[in-house]
């Protein structure tokens, strides 16, 4: 899958809660409607980003696994 995105964030090698914290920081610099693509290797990333989207109101567009990486697309609210 290849969704269009405005900013790409590589959090590979970082463990919870750093991928979420870095994503939150990136989202605050973005305009409403822009898309953030996050790459992560933390096994809990998919679950963590689902919860993060529910808590913050940002839209979780898609998640997929690519080898040992997890790819997450979020739209800024």
PDB file of N, CA and C in Angstrom:
ATOM      1  N   UNK A   1       0.848  -1.170   0.000  1.00  0.00           N
ATOM      2  CA  UNK A   1       0.000   0.000   0.000  1.00  0.00           C
ATOM      3  C   UNK A   1       0.897   1.237   0.000  1.00  0.00           C
ATOM      4  N   UNK A   2       0.497   2.236  -0.749  1.00  0.00           N
ATOM      5  CA  UNK A   2       1.271   3.473  -0.694  1.00  0.00           C
ATOM      6  C   UNK A   2       0.298   4.652  -0.683  1.00  0.00           C
ATOM      7  N   UNK A   3       0.057   5.152   0.494  1.00  0.00           N
ATOM      8  CA  UNK A   3      -0.785   6.324   0.669  1.00  0.00           C
ATOM      9  C   UNK A   3       0.078   7.571   0.579  1.00  0.00           C
ATOM     10  N   UNK A   4      -0.495   8.629   0.062  1.00  0.00           N
ATOM     11  CA  UNK A   4       0.230   9.901   0.016  1.00  0.00           C
ATOM     12  C   UNK A   4       0.406  10.420   1.439  1.00  0.00           C
ATOM     13  N   UNK A   5       1.521  11.084   1.688  1.00  0.00           N
ATOM     14  CA  UNK A   5       1.775  11.642   3.011  1.00  0.00           C
ATOM     15  C   UNK A   5       2.559  12.935   2.864  1.00  0.00           C
ATOM     16  N   UNK A   6       2.473  13.769   3.889  1.00  0.00           N
ATOM     17  CA  UNK A   6       3.158  15.056   3.879  1.00  0.00           C
ATOM     18  C   UNK A   6       4.490  15.009   4.627  1.00  0.00           C
ATOM     19  N   UNK A   7       4.514  14.247   5.713  1.00  0.00           N
ATOM     20  CA  UNK A   7       5.727  14.123   6.526  1.00  0.00           C
ATOM     21  C   UNK A   7       5.949  12.651   6.856  1.00  0.00           C
ATOM     22  N   UNK A   8       7.214  12.221   6.781  1.00  0.00           N
ATOM     23  CA  UNK A   8       7.579  10.849   7.123  1.00  0.00           C
ATOM     24  C   UNK A   8       8.438  10.889   8.384  1.00  0.00           C
ATOM     25  N   UNK A   9       8.104  10.021   9.335  1.00  0.00           N
ATOM     26  CA  UNK A   9       8.815   9.968  10.614  1.00  0.00           C
ATOM     27  C   UNK A   9       9.354   8.559  10.821  1.00  0.00           C
ATOM     28  N   UNK A  10      10.662   8.434  10.942  1.00  0.00           N
ATOM     29  CA  UNK A  10      11.301   7.132  11.152  1.00  0.00           C
ATOM     30  C   UNK A  10      11.610   6.963  12.641  1.00  0.00           C
ATOM     31  N   UNK A  11      10.863   6.063  13.293  1.00  0.00           N
ATOM     32  CA  UNK A  11      11.109   5.784  14.715  1.00  0.00           C
ATOM     33  C   UNK A  11      11.660   4.376  14.901  1.00  0.00           C
ATOM     34  N   UNK A  12      12.201   3.798  13.836  1.00  0.00           N
ATOM     35  CA  UNK A  12      12.745   2.439  13.919  1.00  0.00           C
ATOM     36  C   UNK A  12      13.855   2.390  14.967  1.00  0.00           C
ATOM     37  N   UNK A  13      13.816   1.352  15.789  1.00  0.00           N
ATOM     38  CA  UNK A  13      14.803   1.178  16.846  1.00  0.00           C
ATOM     39  C   UNK A  13      14.387   1.796  18.171  1.00  0.00           C
ATOM     40  N   UNK A  14      13.320   2.580  18.166  1.00  0.00           N
ATOM     41  CA  UNK A  14      12.841   3.209  19.402  1.00  0.00           C
ATOM     42  C   UNK A  14      11.703   2.386  19.998  1.00  0.00           C
ATOM     43  N   UNK A  15      11.654   2.324  21.310  1.00  0.00           N
ATOM     44  CA  UNK A  15      10.595   1.589  22.001  1.00  0.00           C
ATOM     45  C   UNK A  15       9.601   2.551  22.634  1.00  0.00           C
ATOM     46  N   UNK A  16       8.447   2.005  22.959  1.00  0.00           N
ATOM     47  CA  UNK A  16       7.366   2.758  23.589  1.00  0.00           C
ATOM     48  C   UNK A  16       7.902   3.464  24.834  1.00  0.00           C
ATOM     49  N   UNK A  17       7.584   4.702  25.036  1.00  0.00           N
ATOM     50  CA  UNK A  17       6.588   5.523  24.341  1.00  0.00           C
ATOM     51  C   UNK A  17       7.171   6.462  23.291  1.00  0.00           C
ATOM     52  N   UNK A  18       8.448   6.300  22.933  1.00  0.00           N
ATOM     53  CA  UNK A  18       9.098   7.264  22.037  1.00  0.00           C
ATOM     54  C   UNK A  18       8.434   7.401  20.660  1.00  0.00           C
ATOM     55  N   UNK A  19       8.003   6.313  19.981  1.00  0.00           N
ATOM     56  CA  UNK A  19       7.337   6.524  18.685  1.00  0.00           C
ATOM     57  C   UNK A  19       6.097   7.415  18.799  1.00  0.00           C
ATOM     58  N   UNK A  20       5.308   7.219  19.836  1.00  0.00           N
ATOM     59  CA  UNK A  20       4.109   8.037  20.043  1.00  0.00           C
ATOM     60  C   UNK A  20       4.494   9.483  20.356  1.00  0.00           C
ATOM     61  N   UNK A  21       5.465   9.673  21.217  1.00  0.00           N
ATOM     62  CA  UNK A  21       5.877  11.031  21.590  1.00  0.00           C
ATOM     63  C   UNK A  21       6.422  11.797  20.387  1.00  0.00           C
ATOM     64  N   UNK A  22       7.219  11.137  19.564  1.00  0.00           N
ATOM     65  CA  UNK A  22       7.763  11.791  18.375  1.00  0.00           C
ATOM     66  C   UNK A  22       6.658  12.085  17.364  1.00  0.00           C
ATOM     67  N   UNK A  23       5.698  11.166  17.235  1.00  0.00           N
ATOM     68  CA  UNK A  23       4.567  11.395  16.329  1.00  0.00           C
ATOM     69  C   UNK A  23       3.735  12.578  16.811  1.00  0.00           C
ATOM     70  N   UNK A  24       3.500  12.644  18.107  1.00  0.00           N
ATOM     71  CA  UNK A  24       2.721  13.747  18.681  1.00  0.00           C
ATOM     72  C   UNK A  24       3.404  15.082  18.383  1.00  0.00           C
ATOM     73  N   UNK A  25       4.719  15.115  18.553  1.00  0.00           N
ATOM     74  CA  UNK A  25       5.483  16.337  18.283  1.00  0.00           C
ATOM     75  C   UNK A  25       5.382  16.719  16.804  1.00  0.00           C
ATOM     76  N   UNK A  26       5.501  15.745  15.916  1.00  0.00           N
ATOM     77  CA  UNK A  26       5.396  16.021  14.482  1.00  0.00           C
ATOM     78  C   UNK A  26       4.003  16.528  14.114  1.00  0.00           C
ATOM     79  N   UNK A  27       2.979  15.901  14.682  1.00  0.00           N
ATOM     80  CA  UNK A  27       1.610  16.296  14.366  1.00  0.00           C
ATOM     81  C   UNK A  27       1.326  17.739  14.784  1.00  0.00           C
ATOM     82  N   UNK A  28       1.945  18.201  15.863  1.00  0.00           N
ATOM     83  CA  UNK A  28       1.693  19.576  16.306  1.00  0.00           C
ATOM     84  C   UNK A  28       2.259  20.610  15.332  1.00  0.00           C
ATOM     85  N   UNK A  29       3.223  20.214  14.505  1.00  0.00           N
ATOM     86  CA  UNK A  29       3.806  21.142  13.529  1.00  0.00           C
ATOM     87  C   UNK A  29       3.045  21.121  12.206  1.00  0.00           C
ATOM     88  N   UNK A  30       2.095  20.204  12.071  1.00  0.00           N
ATOM     89  CA  UNK A  30       1.386  20.013  10.810  1.00  0.00           C
ATOM     90  C   UNK A  30       0.065  20.771  10.797  1.00  0.00           C
ATOM     91  N   UNK A  31      -0.430  21.021   9.588  1.00  0.00           N
ATOM     92  CA  UNK A  31      -1.738  21.657   9.423  1.00  0.00           C
ATOM     93  C   UNK A  31      -2.821  20.599   9.440  1.00  0.00           C
ATOM     94  N   UNK A  32      -4.024  21.018   9.768  1.00  0.00           N
ATOM     95  CA  UNK A  32      -5.169  20.112   9.776  1.00  0.00           C
ATOM     96  C   UNK A  32      -5.332  19.473   8.400  1.00  0.00           C
ATOM     97  N   UNK A  33      -5.526  18.154   8.380  1.00  0.00           N
ATOM     98  CA  UNK A  33      -5.715  17.429   7.124  1.00  0.00           C
ATOM     99  C   UNK A  33      -4.444  16.838   6.536  1.00  0.00           C
ATOM    100  N   UNK A  34      -3.282  17.273   7.013  1.00  0.00           N
ATOM    101  CA  UNK A  34      -2.035  16.710   6.510  1.00  0.00           C
ATOM    102  C   UNK A  34      -1.847  15.299   7.061  1.00  0.00           C
ATOM    103  N   UNK A  35      -1.069  14.488   6.332  1.00  0.00           N
ATOM    104  CA  UNK A  35      -0.869  13.083   6.686  1.00  0.00           C
ATOM    105  C   UNK A  35       0.568  12.839   7.122  1.00  0.00           C
ATOM    106  N   UNK A  36       0.684  12.130   8.257  1.00  0.00           N
ATOM    107  CA  UNK A  36       1.975  11.714   8.809  1.00  0.00           C
ATOM    108  C   UNK A  36       2.129  10.220   8.592  1.00  0.00           C
ATOM    109  N   UNK A  37       3.272   9.827   8.023  1.00  0.00           N
ATOM    110  CA  UNK A  37       3.600   8.399   7.896  1.00  0.00           C
ATOM    111  C   UNK A  37       4.676   8.093   8.931  1.00  0.00           C
ATOM    112  N   UNK A  38       4.405   7.098   9.775  1.00  0.00           N
ATOM    113  CA  UNK A  38       5.353   6.699  10.815  1.00  0.00           C
ATOM    114  C   UNK A  38       5.869   5.305  10.506  1.00  0.00           C
ATOM    115  N   UNK A  39       7.186   5.133  10.580  1.00  0.00           N
ATOM    116  CA  UNK A  39       7.812   3.818  10.449  1.00  0.00           C
ATOM    117  C   UNK A  39       8.328   3.442  11.829  1.00  0.00           C
ATOM    118  N   UNK A  40       7.981   2.245  12.292  1.00  0.00           N
ATOM    119  CA  UNK A  40       8.374   1.815  13.634  1.00  0.00           C
ATOM    120  C   UNK A  40       8.753   0.343  13.637  1.00  0.00           C
ATOM    121  N   UNK A  41       9.550  -0.049  14.625  1.00  0.00           N
ATOM    122  CA  UNK A  41       9.888  -1.462  14.808  1.00  0.00           C
ATOM    123  C   UNK A  41       9.399  -1.974  16.160  1.00  0.00           C
ATOM    124  N   UNK A  42       8.856  -1.090  16.983  1.00  0.00           N
ATOM    125  CA  UNK A  42       8.324  -1.478  18.294  1.00  0.00           C
ATOM    126  C   UNK A  42       7.117  -2.386  18.083  1.00  0.00           C
ATOM    127  N   UNK A  43       7.145  -3.619  18.629  1.00  0.00           N
ATOM    128  CA  UNK A  43       6.039  -4.568  18.424  1.00  0.00           C
ATOM    129  C   UNK A  43       4.676  -4.054  18.889  1.00  0.00           C
ATOM    130  N   UNK A  44       4.657  -3.107  19.809  1.00  0.00           N
ATOM    131  CA  UNK A  44       3.392  -2.568  20.293  1.00  0.00           C
ATOM    132  C   UNK A  44       2.901  -1.350  19.522  1.00  0.00           C
ATOM    133  N   UNK A  45       3.614  -0.957  18.487  1.00  0.00           N
ATOM    134  CA  UNK A  45       3.301   0.288  17.772  1.00  0.00           C
ATOM    135  C   UNK A  45       1.890   0.310  17.185  1.00  0.00           C
ATOM    136  N   UNK A  46       1.466  -0.775  16.569  1.00  0.00           N
ATOM    137  CA  UNK A  46       0.145  -0.802  15.932  1.00  0.00           C
ATOM    138  C   UNK A  46      -0.939  -0.542  16.978  1.00  0.00           C
ATOM    139  N   UNK A  47      -0.871  -1.241  18.068  1.00  0.00           N
ATOM    140  CA  UNK A  47      -1.852  -1.085  19.149  1.00  0.00           C
ATOM    141  C   UNK A  47      -1.757   0.309  19.765  1.00  0.00           C
ATOM    142  N   UNK A  48      -0.531   0.776  19.990  1.00  0.00           N
ATOM    143  CA  UNK A  48      -0.320   2.086  20.598  1.00  0.00           C
ATOM    144  C   UNK A  48      -0.901   3.208  19.739  1.00  0.00           C
ATOM    145  N   UNK A  49      -0.709   3.130  18.427  1.00  0.00           N
ATOM    146  CA  UNK A  49      -1.211   4.188  17.551  1.00  0.00           C
ATOM    147  C   UNK A  49      -2.733   4.142  17.420  1.00  0.00           C
ATOM    148  N   UNK A  50      -3.331   2.962  17.552  1.00  0.00           N
ATOM    149  CA  UNK A  50      -4.798   2.879  17.571  1.00  0.00           C
ATOM    150  C   UNK A  50      -5.333   3.632  18.782  1.00  0.00           C
ATOM    151  N   UNK A  51      -4.742   3.406  19.937  1.00  0.00           N
ATOM    152  CA  UNK A  51      -5.163   4.086  21.169  1.00  0.00           C
ATOM    153  C   UNK A  51      -4.881   5.590  21.078  1.00  0.00           C
ATOM    154  N   UNK A  52      -3.742   5.951  20.523  1.00  0.00           N
ATOM    155  CA  UNK A  52      -3.363   7.357  20.372  1.00  0.00           C
ATOM    156  C   UNK A  52      -4.375   8.101  19.502  1.00  0.00           C
ATOM    157  N   UNK A  53      -4.796   7.472  18.417  1.00  0.00           N
ATOM    158  CA  UNK A  53      -5.779   8.099  17.522  1.00  0.00           C
ATOM    159  C   UNK A  53      -7.100   8.331  18.252  1.00  0.00           C
ATOM    160  N   UNK A  54      -7.541   7.350  19.012  1.00  0.00           N
ATOM    161  CA  UNK A  54      -8.802   7.490  19.754  1.00  0.00           C
ATOM    162  C   UNK A  54      -8.703   8.609  20.798  1.00  0.00           C
ATOM    163  N   UNK A  55      -7.569   8.708  21.463  1.00  0.00           N
ATOM    164  CA  UNK A  55      -7.398   9.706  22.523  1.00  0.00           C
ATOM    165  C   UNK A  55      -7.264  11.122  21.986  1.00  0.00           C
ATOM    166  N   UNK A  56      -6.655  11.279  20.809  1.00  0.00           N
ATOM    167  CA  UNK A  56      -6.335  12.620  20.311  1.00  0.00           C
ATOM    168  C   UNK A  56      -7.297  13.124  19.244  1.00  0.00           C
ATOM    169  N   UNK A  57      -8.071  12.239  18.637  1.00  0.00           N
ATOM    170  CA  UNK A  57      -8.977  12.661  17.572  1.00  0.00           C
ATOM    171  C   UNK A  57      -8.317  12.720  16.209  1.00  0.00           C
ATOM    172  N   UNK A  58      -7.029  12.389  16.129  1.00  0.00           N
ATOM    173  CA  UNK A  58      -6.376  12.283  14.824  1.00  0.00           C
ATOM    174  C   UNK A  58      -6.850  10.989  14.167  1.00  0.00           C
ATOM    175  N   UNK A  59      -6.965  11.004  12.844  1.00  0.00           N
ATOM    176  CA  UNK A  59      -7.524   9.854  12.132  1.00  0.00           C
ATOM    177  C   UNK A  59      -6.433   8.851  11.752  1.00  0.00           C
ATOM    178  N   UNK A  60      -6.622   7.611  12.175  1.00  0.00           N
ATOM    179  CA  UNK A  60      -5.719   6.532  11.786  1.00  0.00           C
ATOM    180  C   UNK A  60      -6.187   6.045  10.413  1.00  0.00           C
ATOM    181  N   UNK A  61      -5.414   6.338   9.380  1.00  0.00           N
ATOM    182  CA  UNK A  61      -5.813   6.008   8.013  1.00  0.00           C
ATOM    183  C   UNK A  61      -5.521   4.563   7.652  1.00  0.00           C
ATOM    184  N   UNK A  62      -4.341   4.074   8.043  1.00  0.00           N
ATOM    185  CA  UNK A  62      -3.945   2.713   7.682  1.00  0.00           C
ATOM    186  C   UNK A  62      -2.756   2.281   8.519  1.00  0.00           C
ATOM    187  N   UNK A  63      -2.622   0.956   8.624  1.00  0.00           N
ATOM    188  CA  UNK A  63      -1.457   0.353   9.270  1.00  0.00           C
ATOM    189  C   UNK A  63      -1.094  -0.878   8.459  1.00  0.00           C
ATOM    190  N   UNK A  64       0.192  -1.121   8.298  1.00  0.00           N
ATOM    191  CA  UNK A  64       0.621  -2.347   7.634  1.00  0.00           C
ATOM    192  C   UNK A  64       1.989  -2.767   8.131  1.00  0.00           C
ATOM    193  N   UNK A  65       2.296  -4.027   7.908  1.00  0.00           N
ATOM    194  CA  UNK A  65       3.590  -4.578   8.285  1.00  0.00           C
ATOM    195  C   UNK A  65       4.401  -4.782   7.012  1.00  0.00           C
ATOM    196  N   UNK A  66       5.655  -4.350   7.052  1.00  0.00           N
ATOM    197  CA  UNK A  66       6.562  -4.501   5.907  1.00  0.00           C
ATOM    198  C   UNK A  66       7.870  -5.075   6.459  1.00  0.00           C
ATOM    199  N   UNK A  67       8.012  -6.382   6.355  1.00  0.00           N
ATOM    200  CA  UNK A  67       9.181  -7.028   6.956  1.00  0.00           C
ATOM    201  C   UNK A  67       9.114  -6.897   8.459  1.00  0.00           C
ATOM    202  N   UNK A  68      10.145  -6.288   9.057  1.00  0.00           N
ATOM    203  CA  UNK A  68      10.159  -6.109  10.511  1.00  0.00           C
ATOM    204  C   UNK A  68       9.701  -4.706  10.919  1.00  0.00           C
ATOM    205  N   UNK A  69       9.179  -3.955   9.949  1.00  0.00           N
ATOM    206  CA  UNK A  69       8.721  -2.591  10.240  1.00  0.00           C
ATOM    207  C   UNK A  69       7.200  -2.503  10.209  1.00  0.00           C
ATOM    208  N   UNK A  70       6.694  -1.595  10.998  1.00  0.00           N
ATOM    209  CA  UNK A  70       5.272  -1.286  11.012  1.00  0.00           C
ATOM    210  C   UNK A  70       5.110   0.110  10.418  1.00  0.00           C
ATOM    211  N   UNK A  71       4.189   0.245   9.478  1.00  0.00           N
ATOM    212  CA  UNK A  71       3.940   1.528   8.834  1.00  0.00           C
ATOM    213  C   UNK A  71       2.564   2.016   9.266  1.00  0.00           C
ATOM    214  N   UNK A  72       2.495   3.260   9.674  1.00  0.00           N
ATOM    215  CA  UNK A  72       1.256   3.839  10.193  1.00  0.00           C
ATOM    216  C   UNK A  72       1.046   5.190   9.513  1.00  0.00           C
ATOM    217  N   UNK A  73      -0.169   5.409   9.008  1.00  0.00           N
ATOM    218  CA  UNK A  73      -0.526   6.685   8.411  1.00  0.00           C
ATOM    219  C   UNK A  73      -1.607   7.341   9.263  1.00  0.00           C
ATOM    220  N   UNK A  74      -1.376   8.584   9.650  1.00  0.00           N
ATOM    221  CA  UNK A  74      -2.348   9.325  10.468  1.00  0.00           C
ATOM    222  C   UNK A  74      -2.623  10.675   9.834  1.00  0.00           C
ATOM    223  N   UNK A  75      -3.896  11.081   9.863  1.00  0.00           N
ATOM    224  CA  UNK A  75      -4.279  12.410   9.368  1.00  0.00           C
ATOM    225  C   UNK A  75      -4.489  13.342  10.557  1.00  0.00           C
ATOM    226  N   UNK A  76      -3.853  14.501  10.493  1.00  0.00           N
ATOM    227  CA  UNK A  76      -3.966  15.504  11.573  1.00  0.00           C
ATOM    228  C   UNK A  76      -5.386  16.033  11.632  1.00  0.00           C
ATOM    229  N   UNK A  77      -5.936  16.095  12.821  1.00  0.00           N
ATOM    230  CA  UNK A  77      -7.313  16.587  12.991  1.00  0.00           C
ATOM    231  C   UNK A  77      -7.395  18.073  12.764  1.00  0.00           C
TER     232      UNK A  77
END
